[in-house]
């Protein structure tokens, strides 16, 4: 997914928790689902940011020399302005873009 095109708010907003937990029937399961998805998004964003910043990395032996690259700063600022992974995951959950299943129900059927 392209997180840059997410419809999630940058600021936190108050949500109706009872409406959010209708699909699972349990507030704690809903929070766990959103939390796991937020961890996935966070890992993806971190990997993408690291890959982009490594393109501009300069490997020097001297610890005294620190170069500030303008492109690196712009990329970092762009990622800082994106919505937080938890907000993106919550929006995906509300838009029903997150797939989840109850593993305990699968074991009971067998």
Protein backbone atom coordinates (compact mmCIF):
# COMPACT_ATOMS: atom_id res chain seq x y z
CA UNK A 1 0.00 0.00 0.00
CA UNK A 2 1.13 3.51 -0.68
CA UNK A 3 1.08 5.22 2.72
CA UNK A 4 1.62 8.60 1.13
CA UNK A 5 -1.90 8.49 -0.30
CA UNK A 6 -3.59 7.43 2.93
CA UNK A 7 -6.81 9.17 3.93
CA UNK A 8 -5.86 9.02 7.61
CA UNK A 9 -5.80 12.23 9.61
CA UNK A 10 -2.46 13.53 10.76
CA UNK A 11 -3.99 14.51 14.11
CA UNK A 12 -5.67 12.17 16.53
CA UNK A 13 -9.46 12.17 16.60
CA UNK A 14 -11.98 10.74 19.01
CA UNK A 15 -13.55 7.49 17.80
CA UNK A 16 -16.67 5.62 18.84
CA UNK A 17 -15.14 2.47 20.29
CA UNK A 18 -18.41 0.56 20.41
CA UNK A 19 -18.93 1.11 16.69
CA UNK A 20 -15.36 -0.01 15.98
CA UNK A 21 -15.73 -3.32 17.82
CA UNK A 22 -18.91 -4.47 16.05
CA UNK A 23 -16.98 -6.69 13.62
CA UNK A 24 -15.04 -8.53 16.31
CA UNK A 25 -17.45 -8.22 19.23
CA UNK A 26 -14.56 -7.43 21.53
CA UNK A 27 -12.76 -4.15 22.13
CA UNK A 28 -9.49 -5.90 22.98
CA UNK A 29 -9.46 -7.93 19.76
CA UNK A 30 -10.09 -4.77 17.77
CA UNK A 31 -7.20 -2.99 19.47
CA UNK A 32 -4.95 -6.04 18.92
CA UNK A 33 -5.83 -6.14 15.20
CA UNK A 34 -5.15 -2.42 14.78
CA UNK A 35 -1.93 -2.72 16.78
CA UNK A 36 -0.60 -5.59 14.69
CA UNK A 37 -1.40 -3.76 11.48
CA UNK A 38 0.28 -0.60 12.83
CA UNK A 39 3.43 -2.66 13.54
CA UNK A 40 3.41 -3.94 9.95
CA UNK A 41 3.00 -0.43 8.57
CA UNK A 42 5.73 0.91 10.84
CA UNK A 43 8.17 -1.79 9.73
CA UNK A 44 7.39 -1.13 6.05
CA UNK A 45 7.82 2.62 6.45
CA UNK A 46 11.09 2.21 8.35
CA UNK A 47 12.46 -0.16 5.72
CA UNK A 48 11.48 2.22 2.91
CA UNK A 49 12.98 5.23 4.70
CA UNK A 50 16.22 3.38 5.41
CA UNK A 51 16.49 2.31 1.78
CA UNK A 52 15.97 5.88 0.54
CA UNK A 53 18.42 7.38 3.02
CA UNK A 54 21.08 4.79 2.22
CA UNK A 55 21.18 6.06 -1.37
CA UNK A 56 22.64 9.33 -0.08
CA UNK A 57 24.93 7.83 2.54
CA UNK A 58 28.59 8.71 2.37
CA UNK A 59 30.94 6.30 4.07
CA UNK A 60 33.88 8.10 5.65
CA UNK A 61 36.42 6.80 8.11
CA UNK A 62 36.64 10.03 10.06
CA UNK A 63 34.18 10.49 12.87
CA UNK A 64 34.87 14.21 12.89
CA UNK A 65 33.38 14.75 9.47
CA UNK A 66 29.59 14.89 9.47
CA UNK A 67 27.97 15.91 6.24
CA UNK A 68 24.42 17.16 6.22
CA UNK A 69 22.81 16.21 2.96
CA UNK A 70 19.83 18.35 1.92
CA UNK A 71 18.09 15.44 0.17
CA UNK A 72 18.28 13.31 3.31
CA UNK A 73 16.78 16.12 5.35
CA UNK A 74 13.92 16.59 2.88
CA UNK A 75 13.14 12.86 2.85
CA UNK A 76 13.20 12.70 6.65
CA UNK A 77 10.91 15.72 6.95
CA UNK A 78 8.48 14.19 4.45
CA UNK A 79 8.22 10.98 6.48
CA UNK A 80 7.78 12.94 9.71
CA UNK A 81 4.76 14.71 8.21
CA UNK A 82 3.01 11.45 7.27
CA UNK A 83 0.28 10.14 9.59
CA UNK A 84 1.51 7.84 12.32
CA UNK A 85 1.20 4.08 11.64
CA UNK A 86 -1.46 3.68 14.33
CA UNK A 87 -3.64 6.32 12.65
CA UNK A 88 -3.19 4.70 9.24
CA UNK A 89 -4.05 1.27 10.69
CA UNK A 90 -7.16 2.64 12.39
CA UNK A 91 -8.35 4.24 9.16
CA UNK A 92 -7.73 1.00 7.25
CA UNK A 93 -9.73 -0.91 9.87
CA UNK A 94 -12.62 1.52 9.65
CA UNK A 95 -12.56 1.34 5.83
CA UNK A 96 -12.57 -2.49 6.11
CA UNK A 97 -9.26 -2.78 4.27
CA UNK A 98 -7.73 -5.03 6.95
CA UNK A 99 -8.22 -8.79 6.72
CA UNK A 100 -8.41 -10.67 10.01
CA UNK A 101 -9.76 -13.99 11.18
CA UNK A 102 -10.38 -15.66 14.52
CA UNK A 103 -7.83 -18.45 14.91
CA UNK A 104 -9.63 -19.94 17.91
CA UNK A 105 -12.80 -20.42 15.83
CA UNK A 106 -10.77 -22.28 13.20
CA UNK A 107 -9.40 -24.77 15.76
CA UNK A 108 -12.83 -25.42 17.26
CA UNK A 109 -14.26 -26.40 13.87
CA UNK A 110 -11.61 -29.09 13.30
